[in-house]
Amino acid sequence: MSFLSTLFKPKSNKTDLVKILNLQEFRDAIKNNKMQLIDVRTSQEYKGGHIKNAMNIDFFNGEAFRKTFEKLNKEEPVYVYCRSGNRSQKAATRLVGMGFKKTYDLKGGFMEWERQ
């Protein structure tokens, strides 16, 4: 590689390591009960309805968020969602930074899930 192509090569971004799945892809992926499925909404939102078998880890509760995710298996896929997909995308990016190898986000979040 030349110096210029190295200099101007697009930099890899943590968000490149997060795969955003549409509703059907997400449903298919979580059919197996042995997956790490995380609802990153507030506990109040979670209590109002959530995807079966999802664990609630509030994105806005920074220290508890970090500590709880530290206990999960970073080698296993982790599936996250929130209300609309915005928070979960930020959460997924944070997880990549924490060393999670396979991170998946539900496009459109729980609002999309409920629509179907």
Protein backbone atom coordinates (compact mmCIF):
# COMPACT_ATOMS: atom_id res chain seq x y z
CA MET A 1 0.00 0.00 0.00
CA SER A 2 1.21 3.45 -0.74
CA PHE A 3 1.56 6.08 1.92
CA LEU A 4 -1.37 8.11 0.53
CA SER A 5 -3.76 5.16 0.39
CA THR A 6 -2.85 4.36 4.00
CA LEU A 7 -3.36 7.97 4.99
CA PHE A 8 -6.75 8.32 3.30
CA LYS A 9 -8.06 4.82 3.91
CA PRO A 10 -11.42 4.93 5.72
CA LYS A 11 -10.91 4.30 9.39
CA SER A 12 -12.72 1.40 10.97
CA ASN A 13 -15.40 2.55 13.35
CA LYS A 14 -16.80 0.71 16.36
CA THR A 15 -20.25 1.01 14.78
CA ASP A 16 -18.93 -1.15 11.90
CA LEU A 17 -18.79 -4.00 14.42
CA VAL A 18 -22.48 -3.70 15.31
CA LYS A 19 -24.87 -5.51 12.99
CA ILE A 20 -28.30 -3.94 12.74
CA LEU A 21 -30.96 -6.57 12.08
CA ASN A 22 -34.41 -6.01 10.67
CA LEU A 23 -37.37 -7.41 12.57
CA GLN A 24 -37.41 -10.82 10.87
CA GLU A 25 -33.66 -11.32 11.18
CA PHE A 26 -33.84 -10.39 14.87
CA ARG A 27 -36.80 -12.73 15.50
CA ASP A 28 -35.00 -15.60 13.78
CA ALA A 29 -31.79 -14.94 15.72
CA ILE A 30 -33.44 -14.97 19.16
CA LYS A 31 -35.56 -18.08 18.69
CA ASN A 32 -32.96 -20.00 20.68
CA ASN A 33 -33.49 -19.33 24.39
CA LYS A 34 -29.75 -19.56 25.04
CA MET A 35 -28.85 -16.09 23.86
CA GLN A 36 -27.99 -12.83 25.59
CA LEU A 37 -31.05 -10.68 24.87
CA ILE A 38 -30.92 -7.26 26.50
CA ASP A 39 -33.52 -4.51 26.74
CA VAL A 40 -31.57 -1.29 27.36
CA ARG A 41 -34.63 0.84 28.17
CA THR A 42 -35.50 2.12 31.62
CA SER A 43 -37.10 -0.28 34.10
CA GLN A 44 -40.37 1.66 33.72
CA GLU A 45 -40.35 1.11 29.94
CA TYR A 46 -39.42 -2.55 30.45
CA LYS A 47 -42.32 -3.07 32.86
CA GLY A 48 -44.66 -1.67 30.20
CA GLY A 49 -43.81 -4.59 27.91
CA HIS A 50 -40.72 -6.33 26.60
CA ILE A 51 -39.54 -9.21 24.43
CA LYS A 52 -39.83 -12.57 26.17
CA ASN A 53 -36.62 -13.67 27.94
CA ALA A 54 -35.02 -10.21 27.69
CA MET A 55 -32.93 -8.98 30.60
CA ASN A 56 -33.32 -5.29 31.45
CA ILE A 57 -30.09 -3.30 31.73
CA ASP A 58 -30.82 0.44 31.66
CA PHE A 59 -28.48 2.27 29.27
CA PHE A 60 -28.84 5.51 31.25
CA ASN A 61 -27.62 3.89 34.47
CA GLY A 62 -23.97 4.01 33.41
CA GLU A 63 -22.21 2.26 36.29
CA ALA A 64 -24.81 -0.50 36.67
CA PHE A 65 -24.85 -0.89 32.87
CA ARG A 66 -21.08 -1.46 32.80
CA LYS A 67 -21.00 -3.75 35.85
CA THR A 68 -23.87 -5.93 34.63
CA PHE A 69 -22.44 -6.32 31.13
CA GLU A 70 -19.03 -7.18 32.61
CA LYS A 71 -20.68 -10.35 34.00
CA LEU A 72 -21.92 -11.50 30.57
CA ASN A 73 -19.99 -13.67 28.12
CA LYS A 74 -18.17 -11.42 25.65
CA GLU A 75 -17.56 -14.33 23.27
CA GLU A 76 -21.28 -15.08 22.84
CA PRO A 77 -23.55 -12.93 20.66
CA VAL A 78 -25.49 -10.22 22.45
CA TYR A 79 -28.77 -8.86 21.08
CA VAL A 80 -29.91 -5.43 22.22
CA TYR A 81 -32.98 -3.29 21.68
CA CYS A 82 -34.59 -0.15 23.04
CA ARG A 83 -37.73 1.82 22.22
CA SER A 84 -36.80 3.02 18.72
CA GLY A 85 -33.27 1.78 18.03
CA ASN A 86 -31.32 4.91 18.99
CA ARG A 87 -30.27 3.99 22.53
CA SER A 88 -29.59 0.37 21.63
CA GLN A 89 -27.26 1.43 18.83
CA LYS A 90 -25.29 3.56 21.31
CA ALA A 91 -25.36 0.69 23.81
CA ALA A 92 -24.13 -1.78 21.18
CA THR A 93 -21.25 0.53 20.28
CA ARG A 94 -20.34 0.77 23.97
CA LEU A 95 -20.41 -3.04 24.20
CA VAL A 96 -17.97 -3.35 21.30
CA GLY A 97 -15.69 -1.00 23.22
CA MET A 98 -16.02 -3.30 26.24
CA GLY A 99 -14.82 -6.25 24.15
CA PHE A 100 -18.03 -7.96 23.01
CA LYS A 101 -17.30 -9.82 19.78
CA LYS A 102 -20.79 -10.16 18.21
CA THR A 103 -23.28 -7.39 18.88
CA TYR A 104 -26.68 -7.14 17.19
CA ASP A 105 -29.24 -4.34 17.34
CA LEU A 106 -32.95 -4.42 16.45
CA LYS A 107 -33.72 -1.84 13.77
CA GLY A 108 -36.73 0.22 14.89
CA GLY A 109 -36.56 -1.17 18.43
CA PHE A 110 -39.49 -2.34 20.52
CA MET A 111 -41.86 -0.05 18.59
CA GLU A 112 -41.14 -2.14 15.48
CA TRP A 113 -41.49 -5.37 17.47
CA GLU A 114 -44.94 -4.35 18.73
CA ARG A 115 -46.11 -3.32 15.27
CA GLN A 116 -45.88 -6.93 14.08
